Amino acid sequence: MLAKKTSKNQITLPKEVVKEFPDIEYFDVTVEERKIILLPVKITPADMTLESVREKIKKLGITERDVDEAVKWARKKK
């Protein structure tokens, strides 16, 4: 599939690609090894409640231990 960049630096995604992401409006764009990578992003409303965050964490199966390990990993000196 081809996508052409316009004079305003815009690219239209082909219909076949868009069909794969029907509920996605935004994509995170990065460049890796001269490739453009688009990752679908769902925007979370700013008014999301703490309870809904807890429900999501429970649904994902994230435990306190997972969080502790993630914090330790993030704090490791490089």
N, C-alpha and C. Protein backbone atom coordinates (compact mmCIF):
# COMPACT_ATOMS: atom_id res chain seq x y z
N MET A 1 0.84 -1.18 0.00
CA MET A 1 0.00 0.00 0.00
C MET A 1 0.88 1.24 0.00
N LEU A 2 0.43 2.23 -0.68
CA LEU A 2 1.16 3.50 -0.72
C LEU A 2 0.34 4.58 -0.02
N ALA A 3 1.07 5.51 0.59
CA ALA A 3 0.45 6.70 1.17
C ALA A 3 1.31 7.88 0.76
N LYS A 4 0.69 8.92 0.24
CA LYS A 4 1.43 10.07 -0.24
C LYS A 4 1.39 11.19 0.79
N LYS A 5 2.55 11.82 1.01
CA LYS A 5 2.65 12.97 1.90
C LYS A 5 2.23 14.21 1.12
N THR A 6 1.34 15.00 1.70
CA THR A 6 0.86 16.21 1.03
C THR A 6 1.83 17.37 1.26
N SER A 7 1.55 18.49 0.63
CA SER A 7 2.40 19.68 0.80
C SER A 7 2.33 20.22 2.23
N LYS A 8 1.29 19.82 2.98
CA LYS A 8 1.14 20.23 4.38
C LYS A 8 1.65 19.14 5.34
N ASN A 9 2.48 18.22 4.82
CA ASN A 9 3.06 17.13 5.62
C ASN A 9 2.02 16.23 6.25
N GLN A 10 0.93 15.98 5.55
CA GLN A 10 -0.11 15.08 6.06
C GLN A 10 -0.12 13.81 5.22
N ILE A 11 -0.44 12.70 5.90
CA ILE A 11 -0.55 11.41 5.22
C ILE A 11 -1.92 10.83 5.55
N THR A 12 -2.61 10.36 4.54
CA THR A 12 -3.89 9.69 4.75
C THR A 12 -3.64 8.20 4.80
N LEU A 13 -4.13 7.57 5.86
CA LEU A 13 -3.95 6.12 5.98
C LEU A 13 -4.92 5.41 5.04
N PRO A 14 -4.45 4.36 4.38
CA PRO A 14 -5.34 3.60 3.49
C PRO A 14 -6.51 2.98 4.26
N LYS A 15 -7.65 2.83 3.58
CA LYS A 15 -8.86 2.27 4.20
C LYS A 15 -8.60 0.92 4.83
N GLU A 16 -7.79 0.09 4.18
CA GLU A 16 -7.51 -1.25 4.70
C GLU A 16 -6.84 -1.19 6.07
N VAL A 17 -6.01 -0.18 6.28
CA VAL A 17 -5.32 -0.02 7.57
C VAL A 17 -6.30 0.50 8.61
N VAL A 18 -7.07 1.51 8.25
CA VAL A 18 -8.00 2.13 9.19
C VAL A 18 -9.06 1.13 9.66
N LYS A 19 -9.46 0.22 8.80
CA LYS A 19 -10.45 -0.80 9.18
C LYS A 19 -9.98 -1.64 10.36
N GLU A 20 -8.68 -1.81 10.51
CA GLU A 20 -8.12 -2.61 11.60
C GLU A 20 -8.21 -1.90 12.95
N PHE A 21 -8.46 -0.59 12.94
CA PHE A 21 -8.51 0.22 14.17
C PHE A 21 -9.76 1.09 14.19
N PRO A 22 -10.93 0.48 14.23
CA PRO A 22 -12.18 1.24 14.09
C PRO A 22 -12.45 2.27 15.19
N ASP A 23 -11.98 2.04 16.40
CA ASP A 23 -12.28 2.96 17.50
C ASP A 23 -11.12 3.88 17.85
N ILE A 24 -10.08 3.91 17.03
CA ILE A 24 -8.88 4.68 17.34
C ILE A 24 -8.87 5.99 16.56
N GLU A 25 -8.66 7.09 17.30
CA GLU A 25 -8.53 8.41 16.68
C GLU A 25 -7.09 8.88 16.64
N TYR A 26 -6.30 8.44 17.63
CA TYR A 26 -4.93 8.94 17.77
C TYR A 26 -3.91 7.81 17.67
N PHE A 27 -2.75 8.14 17.13
CA PHE A 27 -1.63 7.21 17.04
C PHE A 27 -0.38 7.89 17.58
N ASP A 28 0.40 7.13 18.34
CA ASP A 28 1.71 7.60 18.80
C ASP A 28 2.67 7.34 17.64
N VAL A 29 3.44 8.35 17.26
CA VAL A 29 4.32 8.24 16.10
C VAL A 29 5.77 8.27 16.56
N THR A 30 6.54 7.26 16.16
CA THR A 30 7.97 7.22 16.44
C THR A 30 8.70 6.79 15.18
N VAL A 31 10.01 7.00 15.19
CA VAL A 31 10.85 6.56 14.08
C VAL A 31 11.88 5.60 14.64
N GLU A 32 11.98 4.42 14.04
CA GLU A 32 12.96 3.42 14.44
C GLU A 32 13.63 2.88 13.18
N GLU A 33 14.93 3.01 13.12
CA GLU A 33 15.70 2.50 11.99
C GLU A 33 15.09 2.92 10.65
N ARG A 34 14.82 4.20 10.54
CA ARG A 34 14.26 4.81 9.31
C ARG A 34 12.87 4.28 8.95
N LYS A 35 12.15 3.76 9.96
CA LYS A 35 10.77 3.33 9.75
C LYS A 35 9.87 4.18 10.62
N ILE A 36 8.72 4.55 10.08
CA ILE A 36 7.72 5.28 10.85
C ILE A 36 6.82 4.25 11.52
N ILE A 37 6.72 4.33 12.85
CA ILE A 37 5.93 3.39 13.62
C ILE A 37 4.71 4.12 14.18
N LEU A 38 3.52 3.61 13.89
CA LEU A 38 2.28 4.17 14.42
C LEU A 38 1.70 3.18 15.41
N LEU A 39 1.52 3.61 16.65
CA LEU A 39 0.91 2.76 17.67
C LEU A 39 -0.43 3.37 18.09
N PRO A 40 -1.50 2.59 18.02
CA PRO A 40 -2.81 3.13 18.40
C PRO A 40 -2.83 3.54 19.87
N VAL A 41 -3.47 4.67 20.14
CA VAL A 41 -3.55 5.20 21.50
C VAL A 41 -5.00 5.50 21.82
N LYS A 42 -5.44 5.07 23.00
CA LYS A 42 -6.77 5.45 23.49
C LYS A 42 -6.57 6.53 24.53
N ILE A 43 -7.20 7.65 24.36
CA ILE A 43 -7.09 8.77 25.28
C ILE A 43 -8.01 8.51 26.47
N THR A 44 -7.46 8.63 27.67
CA THR A 44 -8.23 8.43 28.89
C THR A 44 -8.77 9.77 29.36
N PRO A 45 -10.04 9.85 29.64
CA PRO A 45 -10.61 11.12 30.10
C PRO A 45 -9.94 11.62 31.37
N ALA A 46 -9.76 12.93 31.47
CA ALA A 46 -9.12 13.53 32.64
C ALA A 46 -9.93 13.32 33.91
N ASP A 47 -11.22 13.11 33.77
CA ASP A 47 -12.07 12.96 34.95
C ASP A 47 -12.23 11.49 35.38
N MET A 48 -11.32 10.63 34.92
CA MET A 48 -11.39 9.23 35.31
C MET A 48 -11.24 9.12 36.83
N THR A 49 -12.13 8.40 37.46
CA THR A 49 -12.13 8.32 38.91
C THR A 49 -11.12 7.30 39.39
N LEU A 50 -10.71 7.44 40.65
CA LEU A 50 -9.80 6.49 41.26
C LEU A 50 -10.39 5.09 41.24
N GLU A 51 -11.69 5.01 41.47
CA GLU A 51 -12.35 3.70 41.46
C GLU A 51 -12.25 3.04 40.09
N SER A 52 -12.42 3.81 39.02
CA SER A 52 -12.33 3.22 37.69
C SER A 52 -10.90 2.78 37.38
N VAL A 53 -9.91 3.50 37.92
CA VAL A 53 -8.52 3.10 37.76
C VAL A 53 -8.28 1.78 38.49
N ARG A 54 -8.79 1.67 39.71
CA ARG A 54 -8.65 0.43 40.48
C ARG A 54 -9.31 -0.75 39.76
N GLU A 55 -10.48 -0.51 39.17
CA GLU A 55 -11.17 -1.57 38.43
C GLU A 55 -10.33 -2.03 37.24
N LYS A 56 -9.74 -1.07 36.55
CA LYS A 56 -8.92 -1.41 35.39
C LYS A 56 -7.69 -2.21 35.81
N ILE A 57 -7.05 -1.80 36.91
CA ILE A 57 -5.88 -2.53 37.42
C ILE A 57 -6.27 -3.96 37.79
N LYS A 58 -7.41 -4.11 38.43
CA LYS A 58 -7.89 -5.44 38.82
C LYS A 58 -8.16 -6.29 37.58
N LYS A 59 -8.81 -5.67 36.58
CA LYS A 59 -9.12 -6.37 35.34
C LYS A 59 -7.86 -6.85 34.63
N LEU A 60 -6.80 -6.03 34.71
CA LEU A 60 -5.53 -6.38 34.06
C LEU A 60 -4.72 -7.38 34.88
N GLY A 61 -5.13 -7.62 36.14
CA GLY A 61 -4.42 -8.57 36.97
C GLY A 61 -3.13 -8.05 37.56
N ILE A 62 -3.00 -6.73 37.69
CA ILE A 62 -1.79 -6.12 38.24
C ILE A 62 -1.87 -6.17 39.76
N THR A 63 -0.80 -6.68 40.39
CA THR A 63 -0.77 -6.82 41.84
C THR A 63 0.15 -5.77 42.45
N GLU A 64 0.10 -5.66 43.78
CA GLU A 64 1.01 -4.73 44.48
C GLU A 64 2.45 -5.12 44.23
N ARG A 65 2.70 -6.41 44.16
CA ARG A 65 4.07 -6.87 43.89
C ARG A 65 4.53 -6.40 42.50
N ASP A 66 3.63 -6.47 41.51
CA ASP A 66 3.97 -6.00 40.17
C ASP A 66 4.37 -4.53 40.21
N VAL A 67 3.62 -3.74 40.97
CA VAL A 67 3.91 -2.31 41.08
C VAL A 67 5.25 -2.09 41.77
N ASP A 68 5.49 -2.82 42.87
CA ASP A 68 6.77 -2.70 43.58
C ASP A 68 7.94 -3.02 42.66
N GLU A 69 7.82 -4.10 41.90
CA GLU A 69 8.89 -4.48 40.97
C GLU A 69 9.08 -3.44 39.87
N ALA A 70 8.00 -2.86 39.39
CA ALA A 70 8.09 -1.83 38.36
C ALA A 70 8.80 -0.59 38.89
N VAL A 71 8.48 -0.22 40.12
CA VAL A 71 9.13 0.95 40.74
C VAL A 71 10.62 0.69 40.92
N LYS A 72 10.97 -0.50 41.42
CA LYS A 72 12.39 -0.86 41.59
C LYS A 72 13.11 -0.80 40.25
N TRP A 73 12.49 -1.36 39.22
CA TRP A 73 13.08 -1.35 37.89
C TRP A 73 13.31 0.08 37.40
N ALA A 74 12.31 0.94 37.59
CA ALA A 74 12.39 2.32 37.10
C ALA A 74 13.45 3.13 37.85
N ARG A 75 13.70 2.78 39.10
CA ARG A 75 14.65 3.52 39.93
C ARG A 75 16.08 3.01 39.80
N LYS A 76 16.27 1.91 39.05
CA LYS A 76 17.62 1.37 38.87
C LYS A 76 18.49 2.40 38.17
N LYS A 77 19.72 2.52 38.64
CA LYS A 77 20.66 3.43 37.98
C LYS A 77 21.17 2.77 36.72
N LYS A 78 21.30 3.57 35.72
CA LYS A 78 21.75 3.04 34.41
C LYS A 78 23.23 3.18 34.24
